[in-house]
Every structure is written in C-alpha cells, then in structure tokens.
Amino acid sequence: MAIATTTSPSHHQEHKDLRVWGLLTFLISESLMFGGFFATYLFFRGSTEVWPPQGTEVELLVPTINTIILVSSSFVIHFGDTAIKKNNVKGMRFWYIVTALMGAIFLAGQVYEYMTLGYGLTTNVFANCFYIMTGFHGLHVFVGLLLILGVLWRSRRPGHYSSTKHTGIEMAEIYWHFVDIIWIILFTLLYILTLF
C-alpha cells in the first residue's frame, strides 16, 4: 500500500539560497591564487639583497589616497545593504552609485600610477610582481564595479529588491569587501614593507 506524502509550503520557503555559498567558494579559490602571488613575492623579497632593486622605488602618495578611497568604499557599500534591509531602494541606489564612483576613482588612480612609475612589467622581478599583483587586483575591482552596476540596473524594476529579497545586493557587498581586504594586504606588502 503506497503512502501519499505531501510537502508543506513552508518546506519550500525554508529552502536556502545557495548562491552566496557559491560566491564564498569562488572567493576562497581566488584567495588561494592571491596567496600564491603573496608567497612568490615574499620568496623573491627574502632571497634578494636589495629590495626593491634600484630604479624601481615606489611612491606612497597616490597608493595611500587610493587605499583610503577603497577602504572607505567598504563602509559606503554597507550603507547600501543597510538601506535595502529597511526597504529603502533609493538609499541603496545612492550608496551603490557612490561606491561605484569610488571604485572608478581607485582604478583611475592605479592607471595614473602605472603611467608615472618609470618602470615596466619586465624591468626586474620586483616590477614583474608589482604589475601582476596590482593588475590582477585591478581586474577584480573592475569585476566588482560590474556587479555594482548590475545591481543598480536591476534595481530599476519595481519590487526587484526589498527587505526580504536582496541576495544580489549582499553578494556584491561580500565581493567588494573581499577586494578591499586583498588590497590592504597588497598595500602592506608592496608599499609599506618596501620602506623597511
């Protein structure tokens, strides 16, 4: 005798959205890649008498301003997440637009720095590590900007985001925080530690 089973509607409502877990898995894999870059950089730094080699000195002014902008943008994007949890779509849009502008300014500062450094990718091992790590990070900032712009684009549809429906906003915020944390490590390795 077959027993009929029914699934209650509440069972479907309790289903967890696994997209955030997918993003976190992706960010862990990206962390391992950056970890490889960091380990390689530290290996070369530890096995070279003069670091950075002559002719590849780093300037601190532009990168410090960039760091302040990028770290501050983590707080700004969080304001957007807080706004949507209060059903304030306009507030979320405002803070996400400000974050996008800050990210664009960061990338413009990085391009300016590249144009004024006076050395290129193949000058020496320090320059090679510098350009690869900062360039790869810059690519991640660019992807983060695309995610933020995607959130802004989708928020045009009434009811797309709300206090109960905001996974896309949270995912963009998590990714942006990741980008900021990686930059803090890069700034410490490439700029601060080169002074000592």
N, C-alpha and C. Protein backbone atom coordinates (compact mmCIF):
# COMPACT_ATOMS: atom_id res chain seq x y z
N MET A 1 0.86 -1.18 0.00
CA MET A 1 0.00 0.00 0.00
C MET A 1 0.89 1.23 0.00
N ALA A 2 0.69 2.09 -0.98
CA ALA A 2 1.52 3.29 -1.10
C ALA A 2 0.99 4.36 -0.17
N ILE A 3 1.91 5.03 0.45
CA ILE A 3 1.53 6.13 1.35
C ILE A 3 1.81 7.44 0.63
N ALA A 4 0.82 8.26 0.53
CA ALA A 4 0.99 9.55 -0.16
C ALA A 4 1.72 10.52 0.77
N THR A 5 2.68 11.20 0.22
CA THR A 5 3.40 12.20 1.02
C THR A 5 3.14 13.57 0.41
N THR A 6 2.96 14.50 1.26
CA THR A 6 2.75 15.88 0.81
C THR A 6 3.85 16.75 1.38
N THR A 7 4.17 17.73 0.62
CA THR A 7 5.19 18.68 1.08
C THR A 7 4.49 19.98 1.41
N SER A 8 4.70 20.43 2.59
CA SER A 8 4.04 21.67 3.00
C SER A 8 4.70 22.87 2.34
N PRO A 9 3.94 23.95 2.11
CA PRO A 9 4.51 25.15 1.50
C PRO A 9 5.66 25.73 2.31
N SER A 10 5.59 25.57 3.64
CA SER A 10 6.65 26.13 4.48
C SER A 10 7.98 25.43 4.22
N HIS A 11 7.93 24.15 3.78
CA HIS A 11 9.16 23.43 3.48
C HIS A 11 9.91 24.11 2.33
N HIS A 12 9.17 24.55 1.31
CA HIS A 12 9.78 25.22 0.17
C HIS A 12 10.31 26.59 0.56
N GLN A 13 9.62 27.27 1.45
CA GLN A 13 10.06 28.59 1.88
C GLN A 13 11.34 28.53 2.69
N GLU A 14 11.61 27.40 3.34
CA GLU A 14 12.82 27.27 4.16
C GLU A 14 14.04 26.93 3.33
N HIS A 15 13.87 26.67 2.03
CA HIS A 15 14.99 26.34 1.16
C HIS A 15 15.99 27.49 1.13
N LYS A 16 17.22 27.20 1.41
CA LYS A 16 18.25 28.22 1.48
C LYS A 16 18.78 28.57 0.09
N ASP A 17 19.10 29.84 -0.11
CA ASP A 17 19.67 30.31 -1.36
C ASP A 17 21.16 29.98 -1.33
N LEU A 18 21.60 29.11 -2.23
CA LEU A 18 22.99 28.66 -2.22
C LEU A 18 23.92 29.54 -3.04
N ARG A 19 23.40 30.61 -3.65
CA ARG A 19 24.25 31.48 -4.47
C ARG A 19 25.35 32.14 -3.64
N VAL A 20 25.03 32.51 -2.41
CA VAL A 20 26.03 33.14 -1.55
C VAL A 20 27.14 32.15 -1.23
N TRP A 21 26.77 30.89 -0.99
CA TRP A 21 27.79 29.86 -0.74
C TRP A 21 28.65 29.63 -1.97
N GLY A 22 28.05 29.71 -3.14
CA GLY A 22 28.82 29.60 -4.38
C GLY A 22 29.82 30.74 -4.51
N LEU A 23 29.38 31.95 -4.17
CA LEU A 23 30.29 33.10 -4.21
C LEU A 23 31.43 32.93 -3.21
N LEU A 24 31.11 32.48 -2.01
CA LEU A 24 32.15 32.29 -0.99
C LEU A 24 33.17 31.24 -1.43
N THR A 25 32.69 30.18 -2.08
CA THR A 25 33.60 29.15 -2.60
C THR A 25 34.53 29.75 -3.66
N PHE A 26 33.96 30.56 -4.54
CA PHE A 26 34.76 31.24 -5.57
C PHE A 26 35.80 32.15 -4.92
N LEU A 27 35.41 32.90 -3.89
CA LEU A 27 36.34 33.83 -3.24
C LEU A 27 37.46 33.07 -2.51
N ILE A 28 37.14 31.90 -1.99
CA ILE A 28 38.20 31.08 -1.37
C ILE A 28 39.22 30.67 -2.42
N SER A 29 38.75 30.28 -3.60
CA SER A 29 39.68 29.89 -4.67
C SER A 29 40.52 31.10 -5.12
N GLU A 30 39.90 32.28 -5.17
CA GLU A 30 40.64 33.49 -5.53
C GLU A 30 41.66 33.84 -4.45
N SER A 31 41.30 33.61 -3.20
CA SER A 31 42.23 33.85 -2.09
C SER A 31 43.47 32.97 -2.22
N LEU A 32 43.26 31.73 -2.64
CA LEU A 32 44.41 30.83 -2.83
C LEU A 32 45.31 31.32 -3.95
N MET A 33 44.72 31.87 -5.00
CA MET A 33 45.52 32.41 -6.10
C MET A 33 46.33 33.61 -5.64
N PHE A 34 45.67 34.53 -4.94
CA PHE A 34 46.40 35.68 -4.40
C PHE A 34 47.45 35.22 -3.38
N GLY A 35 47.12 34.19 -2.60
CA GLY A 35 48.09 33.65 -1.65
C GLY A 35 49.34 33.16 -2.35
N GLY A 36 49.17 32.54 -3.52
CA GLY A 36 50.34 32.12 -4.32
C GLY A 36 51.18 33.31 -4.75
N PHE A 37 50.50 34.39 -5.18
CA PHE A 37 51.23 35.61 -5.54
C PHE A 37 51.99 36.17 -4.35
N PHE A 38 51.32 36.22 -3.20
CA PHE A 38 51.97 36.77 -2.00
C PHE A 38 53.19 35.94 -1.61
N ALA A 39 53.04 34.61 -1.65
CA ALA A 39 54.16 33.73 -1.27
C ALA A 39 55.33 33.90 -2.23
N THR A 40 55.04 34.00 -3.52
CA THR A 40 56.10 34.20 -4.52
C THR A 40 56.81 35.51 -4.28
N TYR A 41 56.03 36.57 -4.04
CA TYR A 41 56.61 37.88 -3.78
C TYR A 41 57.52 37.84 -2.55
N LEU A 42 57.04 37.23 -1.47
CA LEU A 42 57.83 37.16 -0.23
C LEU A 42 59.09 36.32 -0.43
N PHE A 43 59.00 35.27 -1.25
CA PHE A 43 60.18 34.46 -1.55
C PHE A 43 61.25 35.30 -2.24
N PHE A 44 60.85 36.02 -3.29
CA PHE A 44 61.80 36.86 -4.01
C PHE A 44 62.35 37.97 -3.12
N ARG A 45 61.49 38.54 -2.30
CA ARG A 45 61.93 39.61 -1.40
C ARG A 45 62.95 39.08 -0.40
N GLY A 46 62.71 37.89 0.11
CA GLY A 46 63.62 37.32 1.09
C GLY A 46 64.94 36.82 0.51
N SER A 47 64.96 36.53 -0.79
CA SER A 47 66.18 35.99 -1.39
C SER A 47 66.96 37.03 -2.21
N THR A 48 66.59 38.29 -2.10
CA THR A 48 67.26 39.36 -2.82
C THR A 48 67.84 40.35 -1.81
N GLU A 49 69.10 40.72 -2.01
CA GLU A 49 69.76 41.60 -1.04
C GLU A 49 69.14 43.00 -1.01
N VAL A 50 68.90 43.59 -2.18
CA VAL A 50 68.33 44.93 -2.24
C VAL A 50 66.90 44.82 -2.77
N TRP A 51 65.95 45.27 -1.95
CA TRP A 51 64.55 45.16 -2.35
C TRP A 51 63.80 46.43 -1.99
N PRO A 52 63.14 47.07 -2.90
CA PRO A 52 63.12 46.74 -4.32
C PRO A 52 64.43 47.10 -5.00
N PRO A 53 64.75 46.45 -6.11
CA PRO A 53 66.01 46.76 -6.81
C PRO A 53 66.06 48.23 -7.23
N GLN A 54 67.26 48.73 -7.42
CA GLN A 54 67.42 50.13 -7.82
C GLN A 54 66.64 50.42 -9.09
N GLY A 55 66.06 51.60 -9.13
CA GLY A 55 65.28 52.00 -10.29
C GLY A 55 63.82 51.62 -10.23
N THR A 56 63.42 50.95 -9.15
CA THR A 56 62.01 50.56 -9.01
C THR A 56 61.46 50.98 -7.65
N GLU A 57 61.78 52.19 -7.26
CA GLU A 57 61.25 52.70 -6.00
C GLU A 57 59.75 52.95 -6.15
N VAL A 58 59.04 52.81 -5.05
CA VAL A 58 57.59 53.03 -5.07
C VAL A 58 57.27 54.37 -4.42
N GLU A 59 56.27 55.02 -4.97
CA GLU A 59 55.76 56.26 -4.40
C GLU A 59 54.57 55.92 -3.51
N LEU A 60 54.39 56.67 -2.44
CA LEU A 60 53.33 56.35 -1.49
C LEU A 60 52.10 57.23 -1.61
N LEU A 61 52.21 58.43 -2.19
CA LEU A 61 51.10 59.38 -2.14
C LEU A 61 49.84 58.85 -2.83
N VAL A 62 49.93 58.52 -4.11
CA VAL A 62 48.75 58.05 -4.86
C VAL A 62 48.21 56.74 -4.28
N PRO A 63 49.08 55.73 -4.00
CA PRO A 63 48.55 54.49 -3.43
C PRO A 63 47.89 54.69 -2.06
N THR A 64 48.40 55.63 -1.26
CA THR A 64 47.78 55.88 0.05
C THR A 64 46.40 56.49 -0.12
N ILE A 65 46.29 57.47 -1.04
CA ILE A 65 44.97 58.06 -1.32
C ILE A 65 44.03 56.98 -1.85
N ASN A 66 44.54 56.15 -2.76
CA ASN A 66 43.73 55.05 -3.30
C ASN A 66 43.26 54.10 -2.21
N THR A 67 44.15 53.82 -1.27
CA THR A 67 43.80 52.91 -0.17
C THR A 67 42.69 53.50 0.68
N ILE A 68 42.81 54.78 1.00
CA ILE A 68 41.76 55.45 1.80
C ILE A 68 40.43 55.39 1.07
N ILE A 69 40.45 55.64 -0.24
CA ILE A 69 39.22 55.61 -1.03
C ILE A 69 38.61 54.21 -1.04
N LEU A 70 39.44 53.19 -1.30
CA LEU A 70 38.90 51.83 -1.42
C LEU A 70 38.40 51.29 -0.09
N VAL A 71 39.16 51.53 0.98
CA VAL A 71 38.73 51.04 2.30
C VAL A 71 37.45 51.76 2.73
N SER A 72 37.38 53.06 2.47
CA SER A 72 36.16 53.81 2.80
C SER A 72 34.96 53.29 2.03
N SER A 73 35.19 52.85 0.79
CA SER A 73 34.07 52.36 -0.03
C SER A 73 33.43 51.11 0.57
N SER A 74 34.17 50.36 1.38
CA SER A 74 33.58 49.20 2.04
C SER A 74 32.49 49.62 3.02
N PHE A 75 32.72 50.74 3.70
CA PHE A 75 31.70 51.25 4.62
C PHE A 75 30.51 51.80 3.83
N VAL A 76 30.81 52.48 2.72
CA VAL A 76 29.76 53.08 1.89
C VAL A 76 28.83 52.01 1.32
N ILE A 77 29.41 50.92 0.78
CA ILE A 77 28.56 49.87 0.20
C ILE A 77 27.71 49.20 1.28
N HIS A 78 28.23 49.15 2.50
CA HIS A 78 27.45 48.56 3.59
C HIS A 78 26.22 49.42 3.92
N PHE A 79 26.36 50.73 3.76
CA PHE A 79 25.20 51.61 3.96
C PHE A 79 24.08 51.25 2.97
N GLY A 80 24.49 50.87 1.75
CA GLY A 80 23.50 50.46 0.75
C GLY A 80 22.78 49.19 1.16
N ASP A 81 23.53 48.23 1.70
CA ASP A 81 22.94 46.99 2.17
C ASP A 81 22.00 47.25 3.34
N THR A 82 22.41 48.15 4.24
CA THR A 82 21.55 48.51 5.37
C THR A 82 20.27 49.18 4.89
N ALA A 83 20.39 50.03 3.86
CA ALA A 83 19.21 50.74 3.34
C ALA A 83 18.18 49.77 2.76
N ILE A 84 18.62 48.79 1.98
CA ILE A 84 17.66 47.87 1.35
C ILE A 84 16.97 47.00 2.40
N LYS A 85 17.66 46.72 3.48
CA LYS A 85 17.04 45.91 4.55
C LYS A 85 15.95 46.70 5.27
N LYS A 86 15.92 48.02 5.01
CA LYS A 86 14.83 48.86 5.53
C LYS A 86 13.85 49.22 4.41
N ASN A 87 13.91 48.48 3.30
CA ASN A 87 13.07 48.72 2.12
C ASN A 87 13.32 50.08 1.47
N ASN A 88 14.50 50.63 1.66
CA ASN A 88 14.85 51.93 1.10
C ASN A 88 15.66 51.71 -0.19
N VAL A 89 14.96 51.50 -1.30
CA VAL A 89 15.63 51.23 -2.57
C VAL A 89 16.42 52.45 -3.05
N LYS A 90 15.85 53.64 -2.87
CA LYS A 90 16.55 54.86 -3.29
C LYS A 90 17.85 55.04 -2.51
N GLY A 91 17.80 54.77 -1.22
CA GLY A 91 19.00 54.86 -0.40
C GLY A 91 20.06 53.86 -0.85
N MET A 92 19.62 52.64 -1.15
CA MET A 92 20.56 51.62 -1.64
C MET A 92 21.20 52.09 -2.94
N ARG A 93 20.39 52.61 -3.86
CA ARG A 93 20.93 53.10 -5.14
C ARG A 93 21.97 54.19 -4.91
N PHE A 94 21.64 55.13 -4.02
CA PHE A 94 22.57 56.24 -3.76
C PHE A 94 23.92 55.72 -3.29
N TRP A 95 23.91 54.84 -2.29
CA TRP A 95 25.17 54.35 -1.73
C TRP A 95 25.92 53.47 -2.72
N TYR A 96 25.20 52.74 -3.55
CA TYR A 96 25.88 51.92 -4.56
C TYR A 96 26.47 52.78 -5.68
N ILE A 97 25.81 53.87 -6.02
CA ILE A 97 26.39 54.80 -7.00
C ILE A 97 27.66 55.43 -6.44
N VAL A 98 27.63 55.84 -5.17
CA VAL A 98 28.83 56.42 -4.54
C VAL A 98 29.96 55.39 -4.52
N THR A 99 29.64 54.14 -4.19
CA THR A 99 30.66 53.08 -4.17
C THR A 99 31.26 52.88 -5.56
N ALA A 100 30.41 52.87 -6.58
CA ALA A 100 30.89 52.70 -7.96
C ALA A 100 31.84 53.84 -8.34
N LEU A 101 31.49 55.06 -7.96
CA LEU A 101 32.36 56.20 -8.25
C LEU A 101 33.70 56.07 -7.54
N MET A 102 33.67 55.62 -6.29
CA MET A 102 34.91 55.43 -5.53
C MET A 102 35.78 54.35 -6.18
N GLY A 103 35.15 53.26 -6.63
CA GLY A 103 35.89 52.21 -7.31
C GLY A 103 36.50 52.70 -8.61
N ALA A 104 35.75 53.53 -9.36
CA ALA A 104 36.27 54.08 -10.61
C ALA A 104 37.44 55.02 -10.35
N ILE A 105 37.34 55.81 -9.29
CA ILE A 105 38.45 56.71 -8.92
C ILE A 105 39.68 55.89 -8.55
N PHE A 106 39.48 54.79 -7.83
CA PHE A 106 40.59 53.91 -7.47
C PHE A 106 41.29 53.41 -8.73
N LEU A 107 40.52 52.92 -9.70
CA LEU A 107 41.11 52.40 -10.94
C LEU A 107 41.83 53.51 -11.72
N ALA A 108 41.24 54.70 -11.73
CA ALA A 108 41.90 55.83 -12.41
C ALA A 108 43.23 56.15 -11.73
N GLY A 109 43.25 56.10 -10.41
CA GLY A 109 44.49 56.33 -9.67
C GLY A 109 45.53 55.28 -9.97
N GLN A 110 45.10 54.04 -10.13
CA GLN A 110 46.02 52.97 -10.46
C GLN A 110 46.61 53.16 -11.86
N VAL A 111 45.78 53.56 -12.82
CA VAL A 111 46.27 53.83 -14.17
C VAL A 111 47.27 54.98 -14.15
N TYR A 112 46.94 56.02 -13.39
CA TYR A 112 47.87 57.16 -13.27
C TYR A 112 49.21 56.70 -12.69
N GLU A 113 49.14 55.86 -11.67
CA GLU A 113 50.37 55.36 -11.05
C GLU A 113 51.20 54.57 -12.07
N TYR A 114 50.55 53.71 -12.85
CA TYR A 114 51.26 52.94 -13.87
C TYR A 114 51.96 53.85 -14.87
N MET A 115 51.29 54.93 -15.24
CA MET A 115 51.84 55.84 -16.25
C MET A 115 53.01 56.67 -15.73
N THR A 116 53.12 56.81 -14.41
CA THR A 116 54.15 57.69 -13.85
C THR A 116 55.26 56.95 -13.10
N LEU A 117 55.21 55.63 -13.06
CA LEU A 117 56.20 54.88 -12.27
C LEU A 117 57.61 54.95 -12.86
N GLY A 118 57.74 54.90 -14.16
CA GLY A 118 59.07 54.95 -14.77
C GLY A 118 59.70 53.58 -14.96
N TYR A 119 58.97 52.52 -14.67
CA TYR A 119 59.45 51.17 -14.96
C TYR A 119 58.27 50.31 -15.40
N GLY A 120 58.60 49.24 -16.11
CA GLY A 120 57.56 48.41 -16.69
C GLY A 120 57.55 47.00 -16.15
N LEU A 121 56.72 46.20 -16.73
CA LEU A 121 56.50 44.81 -16.29
C LEU A 121 57.77 43.98 -16.30
N THR A 122 58.66 44.22 -17.28
CA THR A 122 59.85 43.37 -17.44
C THR A 122 61.13 44.02 -16.93
N THR A 123 61.02 45.11 -16.18
CA THR A 123 62.24 45.80 -15.69
C THR A 123 63.06 44.90 -14.78
N ASN A 124 62.42 44.26 -13.82
CA ASN A 124 63.08 43.32 -12.90
C ASN A 124 62.00 42.51 -12.19
N VAL A 125 62.41 41.64 -11.29
CA VAL A 125 61.45 40.74 -10.64
C VAL A 125 60.47 41.50 -9.75
N PHE A 126 60.93 42.57 -9.11
CA PHE A 126 60.02 43.36 -8.29
C PHE A 126 58.94 43.98 -9.16
N ALA A 127 59.34 44.62 -10.26
CA ALA A 127 58.38 45.25 -11.16
C ALA A 127 57.39 44.23 -11.70
N ASN A 128 57.89 43.05 -12.02
CA ASN A 128 57.04 41.99 -12.53
C ASN A 128 55.98 41.60 -11.49
N CYS A 129 56.42 41.36 -10.26
CA CYS A 129 55.47 41.01 -9.18
C CYS A 129 54.49 42.16 -8.95
N PHE A 130 55.01 43.39 -8.94
CA PHE A 130 54.18 44.57 -8.69
C PHE A 130 53.05 44.67 -9.69
N TYR A 131 53.38 44.62 -10.97
CA TYR A 131 52.37 44.78 -12.00
C TYR A 131 51.38 43.62 -12.05
N ILE A 132 51.88 42.41 -11.86
CA ILE A 132 50.98 41.25 -11.90
C ILE A 132 49.98 41.30 -10.74
N MET A 133 50.48 41.58 -9.53
CA MET A 133 49.59 41.57 -8.37
C MET A 133 48.61 42.75 -8.39
N THR A 134 49.11 43.95 -8.67
CA THR A 134 48.20 45.10 -8.68
C THR A 134 47.26 45.05 -9.88
N GLY A 135 47.76 44.53 -11.01
CA GLY A 135 46.91 44.42 -12.19
C GLY A 135 45.80 43.40 -11.99
N PHE A 136 46.14 42.26 -11.38
CA PHE A 136 45.15 41.23 -11.12
C PHE A 136 44.11 41.74 -10.13
N HIS A 137 44.57 42.50 -9.14
CA HIS A 137 43.64 43.09 -8.19
C HIS A 137 42.76 44.13 -8.89
N GLY A 138 43.36 44.92 -9.78
CA GLY A 138 42.58 45.91 -10.53
C GLY A 138 41.48 45.25 -11.35
N LEU A 139 41.78 44.08 -11.91
CA LEU A 139 40.77 43.33 -12.65
C LEU A 139 39.61 42.96 -11.73
N HIS A 140 39.92 42.58 -10.50
CA HIS A 140 38.87 42.24 -9.54
C HIS A 140 38.05 43.47 -9.16
N VAL A 141 38.68 44.63 -9.05
CA VAL A 141 37.93 45.86 -8.78
C VAL A 141 36.98 46.14 -9.94
N PHE A 142 37.47 45.94 -11.16
CA PHE A 142 36.64 46.16 -12.35
C PHE A 142 35.43 45.22 -12.34
N VAL A 143 35.65 43.96 -12.01
CA VAL A 143 34.53 43.00 -11.92
C VAL A 143 33.55 43.43 -10.83
N GLY A 144 34.10 43.92 -9.70
CA GLY A 144 33.24 44.43 -8.63
C GLY A 144 32.38 45.59 -9.09
N LEU A 145 32.97 46.48 -9.90
CA LEU A 145 32.20 47.59 -10.46
C LEU A 145 31.07 47.08 -11.34
N LEU A 146 31.35 46.06 -12.14
CA LEU A 146 30.31 45.47 -12.99
C LEU A 146 29.17 44.89 -12.14
N LEU A 147 29.53 44.23 -11.03
CA LEU A 147 28.50 43.68 -10.14
C LEU A 147 27.64 44.80 -9.55
N ILE A 148 28.28 45.88 -9.12
CA ILE A 148 27.55 47.01 -8.54
C ILE A 148 26.64 47.64 -9.59
N LEU A 149 27.16 47.83 -10.80
CA LEU A 149 26.34 48.39 -11.87
C LEU A 149 25.18 47.46 -12.23
N GLY A 150 25.43 46.14 -12.14
CA GLY A 150 24.36 45.17 -12.37
C GLY A 150 23.26 45.29 -11.34
N VAL A 151 23.64 45.48 -10.08
CA VAL A 151 22.65 45.68 -9.02
C VAL A 151 21.83 46.95 -9.31
N LEU A 152 22.53 48.02 -9.67
CA LEU A 152 21.83 49.28 -9.96
C LEU A 152 20.87 49.12 -11.13
N TRP A 153 21.31 48.41 -12.16
CA TRP A 153 20.46 48.20 -13.33
C TRP A 153 19.20 47.41 -12.97
N ARG A 154 19.38 46.35 -12.19
CA ARG A 154 18.24 45.50 -11.83
C ARG A 154 17.31 46.20 -10.84
N SER A 155 17.84 47.15 -10.09
CA SER A 155 17.01 47.84 -9.10
C SER A 155 16.00 48.78 -9.75
N ARG A 156 16.10 48.99 -11.07
CA ARG A 156 15.14 49.83 -11.77
C ARG A 156 13.76 49.19 -11.80
N ARG A 157 13.72 47.87 -11.76
CA ARG A 157 12.43 47.17 -11.79
C ARG A 157 11.76 47.24 -10.41
N PRO A 158 10.57 47.75 -10.34
CA PRO A 158 9.88 47.85 -9.05
C PRO A 158 9.76 46.49 -8.37
N GLY A 159 10.13 46.44 -7.10
CA GLY A 159 10.00 45.22 -6.32
C GLY A 159 11.10 44.19 -6.53
N HIS A 160 12.09 44.52 -7.39
CA HIS A 160 13.15 43.53 -7.62
C HIS A 160 13.97 43.29 -6.35
N TYR A 161 14.24 44.38 -5.62
CA TYR A 161 14.94 44.28 -4.33
C TYR A 161 14.04 44.81 -3.24
N SER A 162 14.11 44.17 -2.08
CA SER A 162 13.32 44.61 -0.93
C SER A 162 14.00 44.11 0.33
N SER A 163 13.36 44.37 1.46
CA SER A 163 13.94 43.93 2.74
C SER A 163 13.98 42.42 2.85
N THR A 164 13.16 41.72 2.06
CA THR A 164 13.16 40.26 2.10
C THR A 164 13.79 39.63 0.86
N LYS A 165 14.17 40.45 -0.11
CA LYS A 165 14.71 39.94 -1.36
C LYS A 165 15.91 40.80 -1.78
N HIS A 166 17.09 40.44 -1.28
CA HIS A 166 18.26 41.28 -1.56
C HIS A 166 19.56 40.47 -1.67
N THR A 167 19.46 39.23 -2.13
CA THR A 167 20.66 38.38 -2.23
C THR A 167 21.71 38.99 -3.15
N GLY A 168 21.27 39.53 -4.29
CA GLY A 168 22.22 40.13 -5.24
C GLY A 168 23.00 41.28 -4.62
N ILE A 169 22.33 42.07 -3.80
CA ILE A 169 22.99 43.20 -3.13
C ILE A 169 24.02 42.68 -2.14
N GLU A 170 23.66 41.67 -1.36
CA GLU A 170 24.59 41.10 -0.39
C GLU A 170 25.81 40.48 -1.08
N MET A 171 25.58 39.82 -2.22
CA MET A 171 26.70 39.19 -2.93
C MET A 171 27.68 40.25 -3.46
N ALA A 172 27.15 41.36 -3.99
CA ALA A 172 28.01 42.43 -4.46
C ALA A 172 28.82 43.01 -3.31
N GLU A 173 28.18 43.15 -2.15
CA GLU A 173 28.87 43.69 -0.98
C GLU A 173 29.98 42.75 -0.50
N ILE A 174 29.67 41.46 -0.43
CA ILE A 174 30.68 40.48 0.01
C ILE A 174 31.89 40.52 -0.93
N TYR A 175 31.63 40.54 -2.23
CA TYR A 175 32.72 40.58 -3.22
C TYR A 175 33.55 41.85 -3.03
N TRP A 176 32.90 42.97 -2.81
CA TRP A 176 33.61 44.25 -2.65
C TRP A 176 34.48 44.23 -1.39
N HIS A 177 33.99 43.66 -0.31
CA HIS A 177 34.80 43.54 0.91
C HIS A 177 36.04 42.69 0.64
N PHE A 178 35.86 41.61 -0.13
CA PHE A 178 36.99 40.76 -0.50
C PHE A 178 38.05 41.56 -1.24
N VAL A 179 37.61 42.37 -2.21
CA VAL A 179 38.54 43.19 -2.98
C VAL A 179 39.30 44.14 -2.06
N ASP A 180 38.61 44.71 -1.08
CA ASP A 180 39.25 45.63 -0.14
C ASP A 180 40.28 44.93 0.74
N ILE A 181 39.94 43.76 1.23
CA ILE A 181 40.87 43.02 2.10
C ILE A 181 42.13 42.66 1.33
N ILE A 182 41.97 42.19 0.09
CA ILE A 182 43.14 41.85 -0.73
C ILE A 182 44.01 43.08 -0.95
N TRP A 183 43.38 44.24 -1.19
CA TRP A 183 44.16 45.45 -1.41
C TRP A 183 44.95 45.85 -0.15
N ILE A 184 44.36 45.70 1.01
CA ILE A 184 45.07 46.04 2.25
C ILE A 184 46.34 45.20 2.37
N ILE A 185 46.24 43.90 2.04
CA ILE A 185 47.42 43.03 2.08
C ILE A 185 48.43 43.46 1.03
N LEU A 186 47.96 43.75 -0.19
CA LEU A 186 48.86 44.20 -1.26
C LEU A 186 49.55 45.51 -0.89
N PHE A 187 48.79 46.44 -0.36
CA PHE A 187 49.36 47.74 0.02
C PHE A 187 50.44 47.56 1.08
N THR A 188 50.19 46.67 2.02
CA THR A 188 51.18 46.41 3.07
C THR A 188 52.44 45.79 2.49
N LEU A 189 52.28 44.78 1.63
CA LEU A 189 53.44 44.09 1.06
C LEU A 189 54.24 44.96 0.09
N LEU A 190 53.54 45.60 -0.83
CA LEU A 190 54.21 46.30 -1.93
C LEU A 190 54.66 47.71 -1.58
N TYR A 191 53.99 48.34 -0.65
CA TYR A 191 54.31 49.73 -0.36
C TYR A 191 54.91 49.92 1.04
N ILE A 192 54.19 49.48 2.06
CA ILE A 192 54.65 49.73 3.43
C ILE A 192 55.95 48.98 3.72
N LEU A 193 55.99 47.67 3.40
CA LEU A 193 57.18 46.87 3.72
C LEU A 193 58.39 47.24 2.88
N THR A 194 58.20 47.91 1.75
CA THR A 194 59.36 48.32 0.94
C THR A 194 60.12 49.47 1.60
N LEU A 195 59.48 50.11 2.58
CA LEU A 195 60.16 51.20 3.30
C LEU A 195 61.13 50.67 4.33
N PHE A 196 61.01 49.38 4.67
CA PHE A 196 61.86 48.82 5.73
C PHE A 196 62.83 47.81 5.19
